[in-house]
């Protein structure tokens, strides 16, 4: 099996079995459910319009009127955080779906096809993996603009290279097993083997990878917004809220801490679920390739 140079974790496939979450997993579920409810109902329960200037003074302290205080322009931070949660999670989810779909399709196809097809796809994928993720994203977005579709598609395509590596490795293991060899011997087509033999047996580790990739997408999109190349005003995601209010820290105001805590808590919650599910189902993260 060919090894690509990457900092992404590798996943080893073993026979899938039913997995039950432990205490850490349920804590992660509780955190994720909380943020998902915020994303669904946030716009409905927001006490103010997130673009409305509710105070003539910026960086007001939290109070009964403004639960998280106001931002640097006097807008209600609680309302902006509620609405920003929806934008953040929707963008990250769509980007992760793009990454998983493209990467899994190409990776499994390369593994099953083998030969020059596998060689060509793997070399192209290695070329893209050699670029630092953040720098590649900054170059693309600086050229095409910070539009939400550009942000989402760029994030999805960038992380599809890592999904390709993982899915190809998993499919290569499956392609050598007896039931796949037998399917080829009885004349089954390549697409039938992919759909009926390979994909069902690597679904569990790919689901684990999807969870990790969602975390990476949120952090990447937030980093772009923090650098000023992500979501643009008056819209705001978690990264934008941190960047907009960074000046408050010099005055002893902790306004940017709240969106930063949102990013951290969601990532922690998702990682708790992924790690617990991976361990209990036998899908172990065996390390990082150097």
C-alpha atoms as a PDB file:
ATOM      1  CA  UNK A   1       0.000   0.000   0.000  1.00  0.00           C
ATOM      2  CA  UNK A   2       1.307   3.400  -0.904  1.00  0.00           C
ATOM      3  CA  UNK A   3       1.832   6.017   1.797  1.00  0.00           C
ATOM      4  CA  UNK A   4       1.328   9.724   1.123  1.00  0.00           C
ATOM      5  CA  UNK A   5       3.047  12.476   3.055  1.00  0.00           C
ATOM      6  CA  UNK A   6       0.397  14.081   5.226  1.00  0.00           C
ATOM      7  CA  UNK A   7      -0.366  15.116   8.780  1.00  0.00           C
ATOM      8  CA  UNK A   8      -3.838  13.593   8.670  1.00  0.00           C
ATOM      9  CA  UNK A   9      -4.577  10.600  10.916  1.00  0.00           C
ATOM     10  CA  UNK A  10      -4.808   7.178   9.338  1.00  0.00           C
ATOM     11  CA  UNK A  11      -7.700   4.831   9.995  1.00  0.00           C
ATOM     12  CA  UNK A  12      -7.514   1.062   9.942  1.00  0.00           C
ATOM     13  CA  UNK A  13     -10.589  -0.869   8.880  1.00  0.00           C
ATOM     14  CA  UNK A  14     -11.684  -3.936  10.791  1.00  0.00           C
ATOM     15  CA  UNK A  15     -14.978  -5.813  10.646  1.00  0.00           C
ATOM     16  CA  UNK A  16     -17.727  -3.420  11.658  1.00  0.00           C
ATOM     17  CA  UNK A  17     -19.803  -4.164  14.699  1.00  0.00           C
ATOM     18  CA  UNK A  18     -22.401  -2.389  16.740  1.00  0.00           C
ATOM     19  CA  UNK A  19     -20.950   0.345  18.909  1.00  0.00           C
ATOM     20  CA  UNK A  20     -22.401   1.902  22.011  1.00  0.00           C
ATOM     21  CA  UNK A  21     -21.253   5.246  23.264  1.00  0.00           C
ATOM     22  CA  UNK A  22     -19.630   5.551  26.643  1.00  0.00           C
ATOM     23  CA  UNK A  23     -19.826   8.434  29.085  1.00  0.00           C
ATOM     24  CA  UNK A  24     -17.453  10.616  27.061  1.00  0.00           C
ATOM     25  CA  UNK A  25     -19.455   9.947  23.917  1.00  0.00           C
ATOM     26  CA  UNK A  26     -22.710  10.990  25.549  1.00  0.00           C
ATOM     27  CA  UNK A  27     -21.107  14.193  26.770  1.00  0.00           C
ATOM     28  CA  UNK A  28     -20.100  14.887  23.179  1.00  0.00           C
ATOM     29  CA  UNK A  29     -23.626  14.146  21.981  1.00  0.00           C
ATOM     30  CA  UNK A  30     -25.051  16.589  24.526  1.00  0.00           C
ATOM     31  CA  UNK A  31     -22.688  19.319  23.333  1.00  0.00           C
ATOM     32  CA  UNK A  32     -23.505  18.701  19.680  1.00  0.00           C
ATOM     33  CA  UNK A  33     -27.250  18.570  20.296  1.00  0.00           C
ATOM     34  CA  UNK A  34     -27.010  21.900  22.097  1.00  0.00           C
ATOM     35  CA  UNK A  35     -25.280  23.585  19.157  1.00  0.00           C
ATOM     36  CA  UNK A  36     -27.537  21.930  16.603  1.00  0.00           C
ATOM     37  CA  UNK A  37     -30.589  23.266  18.433  1.00  0.00           C
ATOM     38  CA  UNK A  38     -28.971  26.695  18.454  1.00  0.00           C
ATOM     39  CA  UNK A  39     -28.341  26.426  14.718  1.00  0.00           C
ATOM     40  CA  UNK A  40     -31.950  25.407  14.025  1.00  0.00           C
ATOM     41  CA  UNK A  41     -33.761  27.811  16.336  1.00  0.00           C
ATOM     42  CA  UNK A  42     -31.149  30.537  16.837  1.00  0.00           C
ATOM     43  CA  UNK A  43     -32.615  32.996  14.359  1.00  0.00           C
ATOM     44  CA  UNK A  44     -36.067  32.528  15.866  1.00  0.00           C
ATOM     45  CA  UNK A  45     -35.040  33.110  19.482  1.00  0.00           C
ATOM     46  CA  UNK A  46     -32.488  35.865  18.890  1.00  0.00           C
ATOM     47  CA  UNK A  47     -33.677  38.858  20.934  1.00  0.00           C
ATOM     48  CA  UNK A  48     -32.380  41.408  18.402  1.00  0.00           C
ATOM     49  CA  UNK A  49     -31.641  41.673  14.737  1.00  0.00           C
ATOM     50  CA  UNK A  50     -27.975  40.628  14.492  1.00  0.00           C
ATOM     51  CA  UNK A  51     -27.198  43.681  12.329  1.00  0.00           C
ATOM     52  CA  UNK A  52     -29.085  46.163  14.524  1.00  0.00           C
ATOM     53  CA  UNK A  53     -27.153  48.725  16.546  1.00  0.00           C
ATOM     54  CA  UNK A  54     -28.744  48.317  19.954  1.00  0.00           C
ATOM     55  CA  UNK A  55     -26.342  50.574  21.844  1.00  0.00           C
ATOM     56  CA  UNK A  56     -24.402  53.730  21.155  1.00  0.00           C
ATOM     57  CA  UNK A  57     -21.496  52.241  23.061  1.00  0.00           C
ATOM     58  CA  UNK A  58     -19.475  49.219  22.029  1.00  0.00           C
ATOM     59  CA  UNK A  59     -18.205  46.436  24.281  1.00  0.00           C
ATOM     60  CA  UNK A  60     -20.900  46.722  26.916  1.00  0.00           C
ATOM     61  CA  UNK A  61     -20.583  44.127  29.670  1.00  0.00           C
ATOM     62  CA  UNK A  62     -23.064  41.220  29.804  1.00  0.00           C
ATOM     63  CA  UNK A  63     -26.360  42.131  31.449  1.00  0.00           C
ATOM     64  CA  UNK A  64     -29.985  41.063  31.571  1.00  0.00           C
ATOM     65  CA  UNK A  65     -30.635  43.204  28.507  1.00  0.00           C
ATOM     66  CA  UNK A  66     -27.597  41.992  26.561  1.00  0.00           C
ATOM     67  CA  UNK A  67     -26.768  38.495  27.776  1.00  0.00           C
ATOM     68  CA  UNK A  68     -23.281  38.419  26.242  1.00  0.00           C
ATOM     69  CA  UNK A  69     -22.809  42.160  26.036  1.00  0.00           C
ATOM     70  CA  UNK A  70     -22.366  44.084  22.796  1.00  0.00           C
ATOM     71  CA  UNK A  71     -19.729  43.911  20.103  1.00  0.00           C
ATOM     72  CA  UNK A  72     -17.377  46.665  19.000  1.00  0.00           C
ATOM     73  CA  UNK A  73     -20.157  48.463  17.088  1.00  0.00           C
ATOM     74  CA  UNK A  74     -22.845  48.141  19.754  1.00  0.00           C
ATOM     75  CA  UNK A  75     -24.666  45.135  18.288  1.00  0.00           C
ATOM     76  CA  UNK A  76     -26.032  42.399  20.531  1.00  0.00           C
ATOM     77  CA  UNK A  77     -23.379  39.684  20.637  1.00  0.00           C
ATOM     78  CA  UNK A  78     -25.815  37.014  21.821  1.00  0.00           C
ATOM     79  CA  UNK A  79     -28.008  37.509  18.734  1.00  0.00           C
ATOM     80  CA  UNK A  80     -25.001  37.537  16.410  1.00  0.00           C
ATOM     81  CA  UNK A  81     -23.654  34.366  17.984  1.00  0.00           C
ATOM     82  CA  UNK A  82     -26.992  32.573  17.602  1.00  0.00           C
ATOM     83  CA  UNK A  83     -27.297  33.469  13.926  1.00  0.00           C
ATOM     84  CA  UNK A  84     -23.589  32.927  13.294  1.00  0.00           C
ATOM     85  CA  UNK A  85     -23.865  29.389  14.642  1.00  0.00           C
ATOM     86  CA  UNK A  86     -26.299  28.460  11.892  1.00  0.00           C
ATOM     87  CA  UNK A  87     -24.058  29.893   9.182  1.00  0.00           C
ATOM     88  CA  UNK A  88     -20.941  28.227  10.600  1.00  0.00           C
ATOM     89  CA  UNK A  89     -22.422  24.749  10.916  1.00  0.00           C
ATOM     90  CA  UNK A  90     -24.245  24.787   7.573  1.00  0.00           C
ATOM     91  CA  UNK A  91     -21.124  25.887   5.711  1.00  0.00           C
ATOM     92  CA  UNK A  92     -18.943  23.310   7.464  1.00  0.00           C
ATOM     93  CA  UNK A  93     -21.454  20.500   6.943  1.00  0.00           C
ATOM     94  CA  UNK A  94     -21.829  21.164   3.207  1.00  0.00           C
ATOM     95  CA  UNK A  95     -18.055  21.472   2.800  1.00  0.00           C
ATOM     96  CA  UNK A  96     -17.528  18.171   4.625  1.00  0.00           C
ATOM     97  CA  UNK A  97     -20.137  16.440   2.482  1.00  0.00           C
ATOM     98  CA  UNK A  98     -18.322  17.674  -0.638  1.00  0.00           C
ATOM     99  CA  UNK A  99     -14.977  16.490   0.739  1.00  0.00           C
ATOM    100  CA  UNK A 100     -16.302  13.064   1.723  1.00  0.00           C
ATOM    101  CA  UNK A 101     -18.219  12.515  -1.521  1.00  0.00           C
ATOM    102  CA  UNK A 102     -15.416  13.530  -3.880  1.00  0.00           C
ATOM    103  CA  UNK A 103     -12.610  11.974  -1.852  1.00  0.00           C
ATOM    104  CA  UNK A 104     -14.405   8.690  -1.205  1.00  0.00           C
ATOM    105  CA  UNK A 105     -15.509   8.259  -4.822  1.00  0.00           C
ATOM    106  CA  UNK A 106     -12.048   8.892  -6.249  1.00  0.00           C
ATOM    107  CA  UNK A 107     -10.222   6.973  -3.522  1.00  0.00           C
ATOM    108  CA  UNK A 108     -12.328   3.827  -3.777  1.00  0.00           C
ATOM    109  CA  UNK A 109     -12.317   3.978  -7.561  1.00  0.00           C
ATOM    110  CA  UNK A 110      -8.517   4.261  -7.617  1.00  0.00           C
ATOM    111  CA  UNK A 111      -8.130   1.302  -5.248  1.00  0.00           C
ATOM    112  CA  UNK A 112     -10.496  -0.981  -7.158  1.00  0.00           C
ATOM    113  CA  UNK A 113      -9.277   0.055 -10.621  1.00  0.00           C
ATOM    114  CA  UNK A 114      -5.601  -0.253  -9.757  1.00  0.00           C
ATOM    115  CA  UNK A 115      -2.863   0.037 -12.371  1.00  0.00           C
ATOM    116  CA  UNK A 116      -2.261   3.338 -14.129  1.00  0.00           C
ATOM    117  CA  UNK A 117      -5.595   4.768 -12.928  1.00  0.00           C
ATOM    118  CA  UNK A 118      -4.553   4.357  -9.298  1.00  0.00           C
ATOM    119  CA  UNK A 119      -1.081   5.689 -10.052  1.00  0.00           C
ATOM    120  CA  UNK A 120      -2.354   8.803 -11.849  1.00  0.00           C
ATOM    121  CA  UNK A 121      -5.000   9.694  -9.263  1.00  0.00           C
ATOM    122  CA  UNK A 122      -2.620   9.077  -6.365  1.00  0.00           C
ATOM    123  CA  UNK A 123       0.136  11.249  -7.854  1.00  0.00           C
ATOM    124  CA  UNK A 124      -2.263  14.130  -8.505  1.00  0.00           C
ATOM    125  CA  UNK A 125      -3.639  13.788  -4.976  1.00  0.00           C
ATOM    126  CA  UNK A 126      -0.109  13.746  -3.512  1.00  0.00           C
ATOM    127  CA  UNK A 127       0.671  16.951  -5.404  1.00  0.00           C
ATOM    128  CA  UNK A 128      -2.256  18.765  -3.787  1.00  0.00           C
ATOM    129  CA  UNK A 129      -1.475  17.265  -0.375  1.00  0.00           C
ATOM    130  CA  UNK A 130       2.016  18.733  -0.567  1.00  0.00           C
ATOM    131  CA  UNK A 131       0.588  22.253  -0.307  1.00  0.00           C
ATOM    132  CA  UNK A 132      -0.098  23.602   3.203  1.00  0.00           C
ATOM    133  CA  UNK A 133      -3.876  23.624   3.649  1.00  0.00           C
ATOM    134  CA  UNK A 134      -4.222  27.176   4.922  1.00  0.00           C
ATOM    135  CA  UNK A 135      -1.901  28.689   2.320  1.00  0.00           C
ATOM    136  CA  UNK A 136      -3.668  26.868  -0.510  1.00  0.00           C
ATOM    137  CA  UNK A 137      -7.034  28.081   0.759  1.00  0.00           C
ATOM    138  CA  UNK A 138      -5.798  31.661   1.107  1.00  0.00           C
ATOM    139  CA  UNK A 139      -4.471  31.690  -2.456  1.00  0.00           C
ATOM    140  CA  UNK A 140      -7.677  30.310  -3.965  1.00  0.00           C
ATOM    141  CA  UNK A 141      -9.993  32.593  -1.995  1.00  0.00           C
ATOM    142  CA  UNK A 142      -7.830  35.654  -2.593  1.00  0.00           C
ATOM    143  CA  UNK A 143      -8.131  34.958  -6.328  1.00  0.00           C
ATOM    144  CA  UNK A 144     -11.833  34.062  -6.472  1.00  0.00           C
ATOM    145  CA  UNK A 145     -13.239  36.219  -3.669  1.00  0.00           C
ATOM    146  CA  UNK A 146     -14.711  35.565  -0.231  1.00  0.00           C
ATOM    147  CA  UNK A 147     -18.152  34.500  -1.394  1.00  0.00           C
ATOM    148  CA  UNK A 148     -19.839  31.809   0.661  1.00  0.00           C
ATOM    149  CA  UNK A 149     -20.077  29.297  -2.243  1.00  0.00           C
ATOM    150  CA  UNK A 150     -16.361  29.818  -2.939  1.00  0.00           C
ATOM    151  CA  UNK A 151     -15.517  29.278   0.742  1.00  0.00           C
ATOM    152  CA  UNK A 152     -17.578  26.104   0.970  1.00  0.00           C
ATOM    153  CA  UNK A 153     -16.412  24.531  -2.303  1.00  0.00           C
ATOM    154  CA  UNK A 154     -12.781  25.438  -1.654  1.00  0.00           C
ATOM    155  CA  UNK A 155     -12.883  23.893   1.813  1.00  0.00           C
ATOM    156  CA  UNK A 156     -14.563  20.763   0.484  1.00  0.00           C
ATOM    157  CA  UNK A 157     -12.086  20.250  -2.345  1.00  0.00           C
ATOM    158  CA  UNK A 158      -9.059  20.907  -0.140  1.00  0.00           C
ATOM    159  CA  UNK A 159     -10.101  18.290   2.401  1.00  0.00           C
ATOM    160  CA  UNK A 160     -11.189  15.820  -0.267  1.00  0.00           C
ATOM    161  CA  UNK A 161      -7.492  15.066  -0.816  1.00  0.00           C
ATOM    162  CA  UNK A 162      -7.197  13.732   2.730  1.00  0.00           C
ATOM    163  CA  UNK A 163     -10.425  11.758   2.377  1.00  0.00           C
ATOM    164  CA  UNK A 164      -9.010  10.276  -0.847  1.00  0.00           C
ATOM    165  CA  UNK A 165      -5.974   8.981   1.013  1.00  0.00           C
ATOM    166  CA  UNK A 166      -8.042   7.432   3.811  1.00  0.00           C
ATOM    167  CA  UNK A 167     -10.695   5.882   1.552  1.00  0.00           C
ATOM    168  CA  UNK A 168      -8.097   4.519  -0.854  1.00  0.00           C
ATOM    169  CA  UNK A 169      -6.199   2.853   1.988  1.00  0.00           C
ATOM    170  CA  UNK A 170      -9.402   1.302   3.335  1.00  0.00           C
ATOM    171  CA  UNK A 171     -10.523   0.130  -0.105  1.00  0.00           C
ATOM    172  CA  UNK A 172      -7.083  -1.331  -0.873  1.00  0.00           C
ATOM    173  CA  UNK A 173      -7.390  -3.534   2.213  1.00  0.00           C
ATOM    174  CA  UNK A 174     -10.863  -4.679   1.172  1.00  0.00           C
ATOM    175  CA  UNK A 175      -9.878  -5.289  -2.462  1.00  0.00           C
ATOM    176  CA  UNK A 176      -7.437  -7.987  -1.360  1.00  0.00           C
ATOM    177  CA  UNK A 177      -9.993  -9.974   0.626  1.00  0.00           C
ATOM    178  CA  UNK A 178     -11.499 -13.219  -0.647  1.00  0.00           C
ATOM    179  CA  UNK A 179     -15.058 -12.013  -1.171  1.00  0.00           C
ATOM    180  CA  UNK A 180     -13.889  -9.258  -3.521  1.00  0.00           C
ATOM    181  CA  UNK A 181     -11.642 -11.676  -5.417  1.00  0.00           C
ATOM    182  CA  UNK A 182     -14.575 -14.074  -5.762  1.00  0.00           C
ATOM    183  CA  UNK A 183     -16.826 -11.270  -7.004  1.00  0.00           C
ATOM    184  CA  UNK A 184     -14.278 -10.404  -9.684  1.00  0.00           C
ATOM    185  CA  UNK A 185     -13.931 -14.090 -10.623  1.00  0.00           C
ATOM    186  CA  UNK A 186     -17.650 -14.494 -11.202  1.00  0.00           C
ATOM    187  CA  UNK A 187     -17.612 -11.501 -13.535  1.00  0.00           C
ATOM    188  CA  UNK A 188     -19.070  -8.709 -11.422  1.00  0.00           C
ATOM    189  CA  UNK A 189     -18.402  -5.237 -12.796  1.00  0.00           C
ATOM    190  CA  UNK A 190     -16.191  -2.657 -11.140  1.00  0.00           C
ATOM    191  CA  UNK A 191     -19.075  -0.419 -10.071  1.00  0.00           C
ATOM    192  CA  UNK A 192     -21.016  -3.385  -8.650  1.00  0.00           C
ATOM    193  CA  UNK A 193     -18.018  -4.375  -6.561  1.00  0.00           C
ATOM    194  CA  UNK A 194     -17.599  -0.815  -5.294  1.00  0.00           C
ATOM    195  CA  UNK A 195     -21.272  -0.412  -4.389  1.00  0.00           C
ATOM    196  CA  UNK A 196     -21.988  -3.868  -2.968  1.00  0.00           C
ATOM    197  CA  UNK A 197     -18.697  -5.164  -1.626  1.00  0.00           C
ATOM    198  CA  UNK A 198     -16.266  -2.363  -0.795  1.00  0.00           C
ATOM    199  CA  UNK A 199     -18.308   0.644   0.353  1.00  0.00           C
ATOM    200  CA  UNK A 200     -20.573  -1.230   2.812  1.00  0.00           C
ATOM    201  CA  UNK A 201     -17.496  -2.669   4.559  1.00  0.00           C
ATOM    202  CA  UNK A 202     -15.654   0.629   4.950  1.00  0.00           C
ATOM    203  CA  UNK A 203     -18.665   2.752   5.880  1.00  0.00           C
ATOM    204  CA  UNK A 204     -17.938   2.724   9.634  1.00  0.00           C
ATOM    205  CA  UNK A 205     -14.373   4.087   9.438  1.00  0.00           C
ATOM    206  CA  UNK A 206     -15.455   6.583   6.782  1.00  0.00           C
ATOM    207  CA  UNK A 207     -18.149   7.803   9.166  1.00  0.00           C
ATOM    208  CA  UNK A 208     -15.476   8.309  11.821  1.00  0.00           C
ATOM    209  CA  UNK A 209     -13.394  10.218   9.286  1.00  0.00           C
ATOM    210  CA  UNK A 210     -16.436  12.351   8.384  1.00  0.00           C
ATOM    211  CA  UNK A 211     -16.692  13.472  12.004  1.00  0.00           C
ATOM    212  CA  UNK A 212     -13.031  14.452  12.123  1.00  0.00           C
ATOM    213  CA  UNK A 213     -13.296  16.203   8.784  1.00  0.00           C
ATOM    214  CA  UNK A 214     -16.267  18.261  10.029  1.00  0.00           C
ATOM    215  CA  UNK A 215     -14.130  19.509  12.905  1.00  0.00           C
ATOM    216  CA  UNK A 216     -11.322  20.426  10.499  1.00  0.00           C
ATOM    217  CA  UNK A 217     -13.773  22.267   8.231  1.00  0.00           C
ATOM    218  CA  UNK A 218     -15.110  24.389  11.097  1.00  0.00           C
ATOM    219  CA  UNK A 219     -11.598  25.270  12.247  1.00  0.00           C
ATOM    220  CA  UNK A 220     -10.478  26.038   8.687  1.00  0.00           C
ATOM    221  CA  UNK A 221     -13.462  28.258   7.873  1.00  0.00           C
ATOM    222  CA  UNK A 222     -13.115  30.029  11.217  1.00  0.00           C
ATOM    223  CA  UNK A 223      -9.414  30.596  10.550  1.00  0.00           C
ATOM    224  CA  UNK A 224     -10.188  32.114   7.151  1.00  0.00           C
ATOM    225  CA  UNK A 225     -12.751  34.438   8.729  1.00  0.00           C
ATOM    226  CA  UNK A 226     -10.288  35.370  11.468  1.00  0.00           C
ATOM    227  CA  UNK A 227      -7.781  36.347   8.770  1.00  0.00           C
ATOM    228  CA  UNK A 228     -10.419  38.469   7.009  1.00  0.00           C
ATOM    229  CA  UNK A 229     -10.890  36.209   3.976  1.00  0.00           C
ATOM    230  CA  UNK A 230     -13.916  34.298   5.225  1.00  0.00           C
ATOM    231  CA  UNK A 231     -17.501  35.404   5.753  1.00  0.00           C
ATOM    232  CA  UNK A 232     -17.799  39.138   5.158  1.00  0.00           C
ATOM    233  CA  UNK A 233     -19.872  41.744   7.077  1.00  0.00           C
ATOM    234  CA  UNK A 234     -22.692  42.157   7.855  1.00  0.00           C
ATOM    235  CA  UNK A 235     -22.838  38.338   8.003  1.00  0.00           C
ATOM    236  CA  UNK A 236     -20.769  36.667  10.670  1.00  0.00           C
ATOM    237  CA  UNK A 237     -19.641  33.186  11.557  1.00  0.00           C
ATOM    238  CA  UNK A 238     -17.734  32.191  14.670  1.00  0.00           C
ATOM    239  CA  UNK A 239     -14.359  33.165  13.230  1.00  0.00           C
ATOM    240  CA  UNK A 240     -15.636  36.563  12.122  1.00  0.00           C
ATOM    241  CA  UNK A 241     -17.020  37.272  15.597  1.00  0.00           C
ATOM    242  CA  UNK A 242     -13.618  36.566  17.113  1.00  0.00           C
ATOM    243  CA  UNK A 243     -11.810  38.780  14.616  1.00  0.00           C
ATOM    244  CA  UNK A 244     -14.257  41.679  14.887  1.00  0.00           C
ATOM    245  CA  UNK A 245     -13.955  41.907  18.646  1.00  0.00           C
ATOM    246  CA  UNK A 246     -10.254  41.178  19.173  1.00  0.00           C
ATOM    247  CA  UNK A 247      -9.564  44.817  20.063  1.00  0.00           C
ATOM    248  CA  UNK A 248     -11.689  44.378  23.170  1.00  0.00           C
ATOM    249  CA  UNK A 249      -9.054  42.189  24.779  1.00  0.00           C
ATOM    250  CA  UNK A 250      -6.658  45.137  25.038  1.00  0.00           C
ATOM    251  CA  UNK A 251      -9.293  46.925  27.157  1.00  0.00           C
ATOM    252  CA  UNK A 252      -9.998  43.963  29.382  1.00  0.00           C
ATOM    253  CA  UNK A 253     -13.228  43.052  27.561  1.00  0.00           C
ATOM    254  CA  UNK A 254     -13.767  39.346  26.975  1.00  0.00           C
ATOM    255  CA  UNK A 255     -16.275  39.646  24.112  1.00  0.00           C
ATOM    256  CA  UNK A 256     -14.234  37.556  21.623  1.00  0.00           C
ATOM    257  CA  UNK A 257     -13.946  34.757  24.181  1.00  0.00           C
ATOM    258  CA  UNK A 258     -17.585  33.708  23.667  1.00  0.00           C
ATOM    259  CA  UNK A 259     -17.351  32.790  19.941  1.00  0.00           C
ATOM    260  CA  UNK A 260     -13.930  31.244  20.604  1.00  0.00           C
ATOM    261  CA  UNK A 261     -15.522  29.052  23.271  1.00  0.00           C
ATOM    262  CA  UNK A 262     -18.213  28.056  20.764  1.00  0.00           C
ATOM    263  CA  UNK A 263     -15.561  26.863  18.310  1.00  0.00           C
ATOM    264  CA  UNK A 264     -13.682  24.993  21.025  1.00  0.00           C
ATOM    265  CA  UNK A 265     -16.740  23.361  22.589  1.00  0.00           C
ATOM    266  CA  UNK A 266     -18.115  22.104  19.281  1.00  0.00           C
ATOM    267  CA  UNK A 267     -14.738  20.674  18.282  1.00  0.00           C
ATOM    268  CA  UNK A 268     -14.337  18.998  21.674  1.00  0.00           C
ATOM    269  CA  UNK A 269     -17.848  17.552  21.575  1.00  0.00           C
ATOM    270  CA  UNK A 270     -17.393  16.129  18.100  1.00  0.00           C
ATOM    271  CA  UNK A 271     -13.993  14.683  18.965  1.00  0.00           C
ATOM    272  CA  UNK A 272     -15.424  13.010  22.073  1.00  0.00           C
ATOM    273  CA  UNK A 273     -18.027  11.237  19.938  1.00  0.00           C
ATOM    274  CA  UNK A 274     -15.575  10.285  17.197  1.00  0.00           C
ATOM    275  CA  UNK A 275     -12.926   8.958  19.589  1.00  0.00           C
ATOM    276  CA  UNK A 276     -15.427   7.039  21.700  1.00  0.00           C
ATOM    277  CA  UNK A 277     -17.183   5.550  18.681  1.00  0.00           C
ATOM    278  CA  UNK A 278     -13.876   4.700  17.023  1.00  0.00           C
ATOM    279  CA  UNK A 279     -12.538   2.932  20.097  1.00  0.00           C
ATOM    280  CA  UNK A 280     -15.678   0.962  20.884  1.00  0.00           C
ATOM    281  CA  UNK A 281     -16.288  -0.142  17.287  1.00  0.00           C
ATOM    282  CA  UNK A 282     -12.702  -1.194  16.795  1.00  0.00           C
ATOM    283  CA  UNK A 283     -11.862   1.574  14.316  1.00  0.00           C
ATOM    284  CA  UNK A 284      -8.653   2.834  15.944  1.00  0.00           C
ATOM    285  CA  UNK A 285      -6.783   5.945  15.012  1.00  0.00           C
ATOM    286  CA  UNK A 286      -3.348   4.407  14.710  1.00  0.00           C
ATOM    287  CA  UNK A 287      -1.312   7.558  14.491  1.00  0.00           C
ATOM    288  CA  UNK A 288      -0.297  10.319  12.140  1.00  0.00           C
ATOM    289  CA  UNK A 289       1.804   9.913   9.050  1.00  0.00           C
ATOM    290  CA  UNK A 290       4.890  12.059   9.157  1.00  0.00           C
END
